[in-house]
């Protein structure tokens, strides 16, 4: 009898464990994809000239801007997300960086907002997701607003979107809300005012730490839409009617198991503390894909900041903690101290260069007796630096990638 009871207990235990594992996997499903890479934390130095072979510097002029978050080129103009003195958030600059006009003003009017979540440019149309549960459409060609699309009640928790065409949009949210919304991704038909698709269930008790520092969750390139959320097992391609794998991240010893990820931590800080003490990669985010390279960021152990670089020519993946900038700054530093990426288009990457970083590099060169040599090599940088101070706008750096 005792042997029978023990056997029964083992069967129940094993089936229960498998059922629990299967239940958790729905929140972070396996991905079948044409490409697979492995993300491994490596303490290496990225040589910038291995990625890019030239740069341009753009100085925003004619308007005081702070918190430069995103930039995109359009028809020899720059669309820039940054905050002005009047708290306006989206602006148009000419090719040299001169202010032309504000595209989205701060306010409560029909074409104003108290907060911009994210924006995309598709063909000649600028789409803006704003806090007021609306999606605004603006014609860059005609210079006027075309439409304000009201979102369904659950839209209060949408934080990113993509344009699928035919009046359909993909929306992402990481938090459930009282108005419903039990999935991460939705396809919304604005013509019908209806949700048509829903993918990847939300794990409500993990919503806080799934939303840590995420940007560019839904991104578009070459007419296609892609989705990546921190801790997911790869990058998806999103269509009007289907969600399919694009790149899978191979499970390895650095992949946090489902049982630890979905463990009902009391707070975000408790979860972060657990990540710091673990041997797993955490908060892998901010995918920026160009023609050849996919750059992203992740943390490892106690706050060790990494860049990950996927080379699509070879489908290899490497990670780095330091950078040797032998293209613009001629300096080496931890990536945590380096410039912040604010956009990518085709084979061009945009970075934000703040005055304090430039000043730190120049002061170090002066202390090392290297400033004169640098000035001869980069007269354009020195000319701008001499005109800048702590109140200056951040510079926009345009890097051209190697192919």
Protein backbone atom coordinates (compact mmCIF):
# COMPACT_ATOMS: atom_id res chain seq x y z
CA UNK A 1 0.00 0.00 0.00
CA UNK A 2 2.79 2.42 0.95
CA UNK A 3 4.56 1.72 -2.35
CA UNK A 4 1.30 2.40 -4.24
CA UNK A 5 0.74 5.72 -2.42
CA UNK A 6 4.31 6.80 -3.11
CA UNK A 7 3.91 5.94 -6.80
CA UNK A 8 0.62 7.87 -6.97
CA UNK A 9 2.21 10.89 -5.28
CA UNK A 10 5.09 10.91 -7.77
CA UNK A 11 2.71 10.72 -10.73
CA UNK A 12 0.58 13.61 -9.40
CA UNK A 13 3.70 15.65 -8.60
CA UNK A 14 5.27 15.15 -12.01
CA UNK A 15 2.07 15.87 -13.93
CA UNK A 16 1.39 18.89 -11.74
CA UNK A 17 4.89 20.27 -12.37
CA UNK A 18 4.54 19.75 -16.11
CA UNK A 19 1.12 21.41 -16.12
CA UNK A 20 2.47 24.40 -14.21
CA UNK A 21 5.43 24.68 -16.60
CA UNK A 22 3.13 24.52 -19.63
CA UNK A 23 0.84 27.13 -18.08
CA UNK A 24 3.73 29.57 -17.58
CA UNK A 25 5.18 29.02 -21.06
CA UNK A 26 2.13 30.63 -22.69
CA UNK A 27 3.33 34.00 -21.38
CA UNK A 28 6.74 33.54 -23.01
CA UNK A 29 6.24 30.96 -25.77
CA UNK A 30 8.92 29.18 -27.74
CA UNK A 31 9.57 30.79 -31.13
CA UNK A 32 10.08 28.92 -34.38
CA UNK A 33 11.99 31.27 -36.67
CA UNK A 34 14.20 31.18 -39.77
CA UNK A 35 17.09 32.63 -37.74
CA UNK A 36 18.48 31.72 -34.32
CA UNK A 37 21.18 33.46 -32.28
CA UNK A 38 22.50 33.02 -28.77
CA UNK A 39 22.71 35.97 -26.36
CA UNK A 40 25.74 35.57 -24.07
CA UNK A 41 27.13 38.21 -21.68
CA UNK A 42 30.73 38.91 -22.68
CA UNK A 43 33.07 41.46 -21.10
CA UNK A 44 34.45 42.72 -24.42
CA UNK A 45 35.26 46.06 -26.07
CA UNK A 46 33.32 47.10 -29.18
CA UNK A 47 35.48 48.91 -31.74
CA UNK A 48 33.13 51.44 -33.32
CA UNK A 49 34.87 51.41 -36.72
CA UNK A 50 33.83 47.75 -37.04
CA UNK A 51 30.23 49.01 -37.30
CA UNK A 52 30.41 52.47 -38.87
CA UNK A 53 32.71 54.33 -41.23
CA UNK A 54 31.62 57.95 -40.99
CA UNK A 55 29.58 60.52 -39.09
CA UNK A 56 27.80 63.86 -39.30
CA UNK A 57 27.04 66.30 -36.48
CA UNK A 58 23.75 68.20 -36.27
CA UNK A 59 23.31 71.03 -33.78
CA UNK A 60 19.63 71.90 -33.08
CA UNK A 61 19.34 75.69 -33.33
CA UNK A 62 16.62 78.28 -32.84
CA UNK A 63 14.88 76.42 -30.02
CA UNK A 64 15.96 75.23 -26.56
CA UNK A 65 15.37 71.49 -26.21
CA UNK A 66 15.78 68.98 -23.40
CA UNK A 67 15.24 65.23 -23.13
CA UNK A 68 16.06 64.43 -26.76
CA UNK A 69 14.44 61.00 -27.15
CA UNK A 70 13.96 60.16 -30.82
CA UNK A 71 14.84 61.46 -34.28
CA UNK A 72 14.00 60.52 -37.85
CA UNK A 73 14.95 61.99 -41.21
CA UNK A 74 12.21 62.94 -43.66
CA UNK A 75 12.80 64.59 -47.06
CA UNK A 76 15.97 66.48 -46.00
CA UNK A 77 14.31 67.48 -42.72
CA UNK A 78 14.59 66.21 -39.14
CA UNK A 79 11.64 65.20 -36.97
CA UNK A 80 12.81 65.46 -33.36
CA UNK A 81 11.10 64.38 -30.14
CA UNK A 82 12.35 66.64 -27.36
CA UNK A 83 10.82 68.98 -24.81
CA UNK A 84 10.82 72.75 -25.39
CA UNK A 85 10.44 75.51 -22.79
CA UNK A 86 6.69 75.48 -23.52
CA UNK A 87 6.67 71.69 -22.99
CA UNK A 88 5.93 71.07 -26.66
CA UNK A 89 7.24 67.64 -27.63
CA UNK A 90 7.68 67.14 -31.39
CA UNK A 91 9.50 69.51 -33.73
CA UNK A 92 10.64 69.92 -37.32
CA UNK A 93 14.20 71.04 -38.11
CA UNK A 94 15.89 71.67 -41.46
CA UNK A 95 18.89 69.69 -42.70
CA UNK A 96 21.32 71.96 -40.80
CA UNK A 97 19.35 71.70 -37.56
CA UNK A 98 17.55 75.04 -37.72
CA UNK A 99 14.12 75.07 -36.07
CA UNK A 100 11.22 75.29 -38.55
CA UNK A 101 8.11 74.63 -36.46
CA UNK A 102 6.53 72.56 -33.72
CA UNK A 103 4.48 69.60 -34.93
CA UNK A 104 2.81 68.62 -31.64
CA UNK A 105 2.09 71.18 -28.95
CA UNK A 106 1.51 70.72 -25.25
CA UNK A 107 -2.11 71.33 -24.31
CA UNK A 108 -5.63 69.98 -24.26
CA UNK A 109 -6.80 71.10 -27.69
CA UNK A 110 -7.89 68.76 -30.51
CA UNK A 111 -4.37 68.47 -31.98
CA UNK A 112 -2.44 68.89 -28.74
CA UNK A 113 -1.39 66.53 -25.97
CA UNK A 114 -0.30 66.42 -22.38
CA UNK A 115 2.03 63.54 -23.24
CA UNK A 116 3.44 61.79 -26.31
CA UNK A 117 3.96 58.03 -25.94
CA UNK A 118 5.56 57.24 -29.29
CA UNK A 119 5.40 58.09 -32.99
CA UNK A 120 6.14 56.61 -36.41
CA UNK A 121 6.57 57.96 -39.96
CA UNK A 122 5.12 55.81 -42.74
CA UNK A 123 5.49 57.28 -46.23
CA UNK A 124 4.38 60.93 -45.85
CA UNK A 125 2.25 60.43 -42.74
CA UNK A 126 3.31 61.06 -39.14
CA UNK A 127 1.40 58.92 -36.62
CA UNK A 128 1.43 59.94 -32.94
CA UNK A 129 0.14 57.89 -29.98
CA UNK A 130 -0.77 60.35 -27.22
CA UNK A 131 -1.85 60.07 -23.60
CA UNK A 132 -5.42 61.07 -24.39
CA UNK A 133 -6.13 57.58 -25.85
CA UNK A 134 -5.92 58.86 -29.40
CA UNK A 135 -3.81 58.19 -32.46
CA UNK A 136 -3.15 61.37 -34.44
CA UNK A 137 -2.39 61.39 -38.18
CA UNK A 138 -0.46 64.33 -39.67
CA UNK A 139 0.45 64.86 -43.33
CA UNK A 140 4.09 65.93 -43.57
CA UNK A 141 3.59 66.67 -47.26
CA UNK A 142 0.57 68.95 -46.73
CA UNK A 143 1.62 70.24 -43.31
CA UNK A 144 -1.71 69.60 -41.61
CA UNK A 145 -3.51 67.19 -39.29
CA UNK A 146 -5.68 64.64 -41.08
CA UNK A 147 -7.39 62.63 -38.37
CA UNK A 148 -7.68 61.92 -34.66
CA UNK A 149 -8.49 58.24 -34.17
CA UNK A 150 -10.17 57.43 -30.83
CA UNK A 151 -8.98 54.21 -29.24
CA UNK A 152 -11.11 51.63 -27.40
CA UNK A 153 -11.42 51.77 -23.62
CA UNK A 154 -8.45 49.46 -23.12
CA UNK A 155 -6.32 51.98 -25.06
CA UNK A 156 -5.47 53.68 -21.79
CA UNK A 157 -2.72 51.07 -21.32
CA UNK A 158 -1.32 51.06 -24.86
CA UNK A 159 2.32 52.16 -24.90
CA UNK A 160 3.45 51.38 -28.46
CA UNK A 161 1.95 50.78 -31.89
CA UNK A 162 2.70 49.93 -35.51
CA UNK A 163 0.91 50.76 -38.75
CA UNK A 164 -0.21 47.62 -40.58
CA UNK A 165 -2.13 49.32 -43.40
CA UNK A 166 -5.76 49.33 -44.53
CA UNK A 167 -6.72 51.24 -41.38
CA UNK A 168 -5.31 48.51 -39.14
CA UNK A 169 -2.81 49.00 -36.31
CA UNK A 170 -0.91 46.75 -33.94
CA UNK A 171 -0.93 47.94 -30.31
CA UNK A 172 1.17 46.79 -27.36
CA UNK A 173 0.55 47.09 -23.67
CA UNK A 174 2.25 45.45 -20.72
CA UNK A 175 -0.38 46.14 -18.06
CA UNK A 176 -3.93 44.85 -17.72
CA UNK A 177 -6.52 47.46 -16.79
CA UNK A 178 -10.12 47.54 -15.51
CA UNK A 179 -11.42 48.10 -19.04
CA UNK A 180 -10.15 44.70 -20.15
CA UNK A 181 -7.13 43.65 -22.14
CA UNK A 182 -5.61 40.31 -21.26
CA UNK A 183 -3.04 40.12 -24.07
CA UNK A 184 0.17 41.92 -24.97
CA UNK A 185 -0.54 42.49 -28.66
CA UNK A 186 -3.72 43.50 -30.44
CA UNK A 187 -4.67 44.28 -34.02
CA UNK A 188 -7.20 47.11 -34.15
CA UNK A 189 -9.30 47.92 -37.23
CA UNK A 190 -10.00 51.66 -36.98
CA UNK A 191 -12.54 51.47 -39.80
CA UNK A 192 -14.72 49.06 -37.82
CA UNK A 193 -13.67 50.23 -34.36
CA UNK A 194 -12.96 46.61 -33.44
CA UNK A 195 -10.11 44.46 -32.15
CA UNK A 196 -9.46 41.67 -34.64
CA UNK A 197 -6.50 39.75 -33.22
CA UNK A 198 -4.92 39.19 -29.81
CA UNK A 199 -1.63 37.41 -29.06
CA UNK A 200 0.51 36.42 -26.05
CA UNK A 201 -1.43 36.44 -22.75
CA UNK A 202 -0.50 38.91 -20.03
CA UNK A 203 0.77 37.60 -16.71
CA UNK A 204 -0.87 40.24 -14.55
CA UNK A 205 1.35 39.83 -11.49
CA UNK A 206 4.48 40.50 -13.58
CA UNK A 207 3.25 43.59 -15.41
CA UNK A 208 5.45 46.05 -13.49
CA UNK A 209 8.77 44.42 -14.21
CA UNK A 210 7.92 43.56 -17.81
CA UNK A 211 7.60 47.30 -18.48
CA UNK A 212 11.02 48.28 -17.07
CA UNK A 213 12.78 50.74 -19.38
CA UNK A 214 11.26 49.42 -22.59
CA UNK A 215 11.46 51.39 -25.83
CA UNK A 216 10.90 50.44 -29.45
CA UNK A 217 8.80 47.40 -28.58
CA UNK A 218 7.04 47.58 -31.95
CA UNK A 219 9.22 48.78 -34.81
CA UNK A 220 8.90 48.92 -38.59
CA UNK A 221 11.36 48.56 -41.43
CA UNK A 222 11.08 47.82 -45.14
CA UNK A 223 7.30 47.57 -44.97
CA UNK A 224 7.24 45.00 -42.16
CA UNK A 225 6.42 45.25 -38.47
CA UNK A 226 8.36 43.56 -35.66
CA UNK A 227 7.78 42.99 -31.95
CA UNK A 228 10.16 42.33 -29.09
CA UNK A 229 9.47 42.58 -25.38
CA UNK A 230 12.03 42.09 -22.64
CA UNK A 231 12.36 38.44 -21.53
CA UNK A 232 10.62 37.10 -24.65
CA UNK A 233 12.40 34.31 -26.51
CA UNK A 234 13.01 36.26 -29.70
CA UNK A 235 11.68 38.79 -32.17
CA UNK A 236 8.32 38.35 -33.91
CA UNK A 237 7.03 39.59 -37.24
CA UNK A 238 3.53 41.03 -36.86
CA UNK A 239 0.95 40.89 -39.65
CA UNK A 240 -2.72 41.78 -39.91
CA UNK A 241 -3.71 38.17 -39.31
CA UNK A 242 -0.68 36.39 -37.91
CA UNK A 243 2.25 36.53 -35.52
CA UNK A 244 5.30 34.53 -36.59
CA UNK A 245 8.90 34.12 -35.56
CA UNK A 246 11.63 36.27 -37.12
CA UNK A 247 14.62 35.58 -34.84
CA UNK A 248 14.69 33.17 -31.92
CA UNK A 249 17.04 33.57 -28.96
CA UNK A 250 18.46 30.20 -28.02
CA UNK A 251 17.79 29.17 -24.42
CA UNK A 252 21.03 28.83 -22.48
CA UNK A 253 22.39 29.10 -18.93
CA UNK A 254 21.79 32.88 -19.02
CA UNK A 255 18.06 32.58 -19.83
CA UNK A 256 15.89 33.19 -16.77
CA UNK A 257 13.58 30.17 -16.29
CA UNK A 258 9.83 30.74 -16.41
CA UNK A 259 9.47 29.63 -12.80
CA UNK A 260 11.75 32.43 -11.59
CA UNK A 261 10.47 35.07 -14.00
CA UNK A 262 6.81 34.51 -13.07
CA UNK A 263 7.31 34.21 -9.34
CA UNK A 264 4.95 36.92 -8.01
CA UNK A 265 7.59 39.28 -6.63
CA UNK A 266 6.18 41.74 -4.06
CA UNK A 267 7.55 44.77 -5.94
CA UNK A 268 9.66 45.84 -8.89
CA UNK A 269 12.62 46.44 -6.58
CA UNK A 270 12.35 42.90 -5.19
CA UNK A 271 12.49 41.57 -8.74
CA UNK A 272 15.48 43.79 -9.64
CA UNK A 273 17.32 42.64 -6.51
CA UNK A 274 16.68 39.03 -7.52
CA UNK A 275 18.04 39.72 -11.03
CA UNK A 276 21.19 41.35 -9.65
CA UNK A 277 21.91 38.31 -7.50
CA UNK A 278 21.16 35.80 -10.26
CA UNK A 279 23.32 34.60 -13.14
CA UNK A 280 20.72 35.49 -15.79
CA UNK A 281 20.42 38.20 -18.42
CA UNK A 282 17.69 40.67 -17.49
CA UNK A 283 15.87 43.62 -19.08
CA UNK A 284 17.02 42.88 -22.63
CA UNK A 285 15.42 45.78 -24.52
CA UNK A 286 15.67 48.67 -27.03
CA UNK A 287 15.99 46.79 -30.32
CA UNK A 288 17.38 48.99 -33.13
CA UNK A 289 17.60 47.10 -36.42
CA UNK A 290 19.33 48.40 -39.55
CA UNK A 291 20.08 46.72 -42.86
CA UNK A 292 22.98 44.77 -41.40
CA UNK A 293 23.09 45.04 -37.61
CA UNK A 294 20.63 44.64 -34.75
CA UNK A 295 21.71 46.53 -31.63
CA UNK A 296 20.05 46.03 -28.25
CA UNK A 297 20.82 46.47 -24.54
CA UNK A 298 20.68 44.18 -21.55
CA UNK A 299 21.77 43.95 -17.92
CA UNK A 300 23.70 41.13 -16.33
CA UNK A 301 24.17 40.42 -12.64
CA UNK A 302 24.62 43.54 -10.48
CA UNK A 303 23.91 46.20 -13.08
CA UNK A 304 26.60 45.30 -15.64
CA UNK A 305 25.37 47.09 -18.78
CA UNK A 306 25.82 45.42 -22.19
CA UNK A 307 25.23 46.15 -25.84
CA UNK A 308 24.39 43.14 -27.97
CA UNK A 309 25.22 43.22 -31.69
CA UNK A 310 23.68 40.77 -34.16
CA UNK A 311 25.38 40.74 -37.57
CA UNK A 312 22.74 39.70 -40.11
CA UNK A 313 25.35 39.01 -42.79
CA UNK A 314 26.65 36.09 -40.72
CA UNK A 315 23.85 35.69 -38.16
CA UNK A 316 26.30 35.96 -35.29
CA UNK A 317 25.72 37.58 -31.90
CA UNK A 318 28.29 39.29 -29.65
CA UNK A 319 27.92 41.39 -26.52
CA UNK A 320 30.07 44.18 -25.11
CA UNK A 321 30.50 46.22 -21.93
CA UNK A 322 32.95 48.84 -23.25
CA UNK A 323 33.39 50.83 -26.45
CA UNK A 324 36.43 52.15 -28.27
CA UNK A 325 35.10 55.09 -30.29
CA UNK A 326 37.77 55.48 -32.97
CA UNK A 327 35.40 57.31 -35.32
CA UNK A 328 34.17 60.44 -33.49
CA UNK A 329 35.43 60.85 -29.92
CA UNK A 330 38.70 58.89 -30.11
CA UNK A 331 38.04 57.62 -26.59
CA UNK A 332 37.37 54.38 -24.74
CA UNK A 333 34.79 54.05 -21.97
CA UNK A 334 32.15 51.75 -20.43
CA UNK A 335 29.05 51.60 -22.62
CA UNK A 336 26.99 52.81 -19.67
CA UNK A 337 28.75 56.19 -20.03
CA UNK A 338 28.52 56.38 -23.82
CA UNK A 339 26.05 58.17 -26.07
CA UNK A 340 22.39 57.12 -26.11
CA UNK A 341 20.91 55.77 -29.35
CA UNK A 342 17.80 57.69 -30.44
CA UNK A 343 16.93 56.16 -33.80
CA UNK A 344 17.83 54.07 -36.84
CA UNK A 345 16.89 54.24 -40.53
CA UNK A 346 18.19 51.83 -43.17
CA UNK A 347 21.99 52.00 -42.72
CA UNK A 348 22.07 55.13 -40.52
CA UNK A 349 22.06 55.29 -36.71
CA UNK A 350 21.30 58.37 -34.62
CA UNK A 351 22.86 59.08 -31.23
CA UNK A 352 22.55 61.90 -28.70
CA UNK A 353 25.82 63.57 -27.66
CA UNK A 354 25.32 65.70 -24.51
CA UNK A 355 27.68 68.51 -23.58
CA UNK A 356 28.78 66.91 -20.31
CA UNK A 357 30.07 63.79 -22.11
CA UNK A 358 31.87 65.86 -24.75
CA UNK A 359 33.36 68.07 -22.03
CA UNK A 360 34.58 65.04 -20.06
CA UNK A 361 36.29 63.59 -23.15
CA UNK A 362 37.93 66.92 -24.05
CA UNK A 363 39.18 67.55 -20.53
CA UNK A 364 40.72 64.07 -20.45
CA UNK A 365 42.45 64.70 -23.78
CA UNK A 366 43.79 68.01 -22.50
CA UNK A 367 45.13 66.32 -19.35
CA UNK A 368 46.83 63.67 -21.52
CA UNK A 369 48.29 66.24 -23.95
CA UNK A 370 46.13 64.87 -26.81
CA UNK A 371 43.79 67.81 -27.44
CA UNK A 372 45.79 69.51 -30.21
CA UNK A 373 46.12 66.28 -32.18
CA UNK A 374 42.39 65.63 -31.79
CA UNK A 375 41.58 69.18 -32.94
CA UNK A 376 43.58 68.65 -36.13
CA UNK A 377 41.80 65.36 -36.82
CA UNK A 378 38.28 66.58 -35.91
CA UNK A 379 38.09 70.37 -36.48
CA UNK A 380 34.29 70.16 -36.84
CA UNK A 381 33.90 68.73 -33.34
CA UNK A 382 36.25 71.29 -31.81
CA UNK A 383 34.48 74.17 -33.53
CA UNK A 384 31.15 73.11 -32.04
CA UNK A 385 32.63 72.34 -28.63
CA UNK A 386 34.06 75.86 -28.29
CA UNK A 387 30.56 77.33 -28.73
CA UNK A 388 28.85 74.98 -26.24
CA UNK A 389 28.17 75.13 -22.51
CA UNK A 390 26.04 73.22 -19.99
CA UNK A 391 22.88 74.94 -21.30
CA UNK A 392 23.49 73.95 -24.93
CA UNK A 393 21.26 71.55 -26.81
CA UNK A 394 22.54 68.00 -27.15
CA UNK A 395 24.20 67.31 -30.49
CA UNK A 396 22.72 64.76 -32.89
CA UNK A 397 25.29 62.30 -34.22
CA UNK A 398 24.55 60.56 -37.50
CA UNK A 399 26.61 57.39 -37.97
CA UNK A 400 26.78 55.62 -41.35
CA UNK A 401 27.05 51.86 -41.01
CA UNK A 402 29.37 49.56 -42.87
CA UNK A 403 27.71 47.13 -45.27
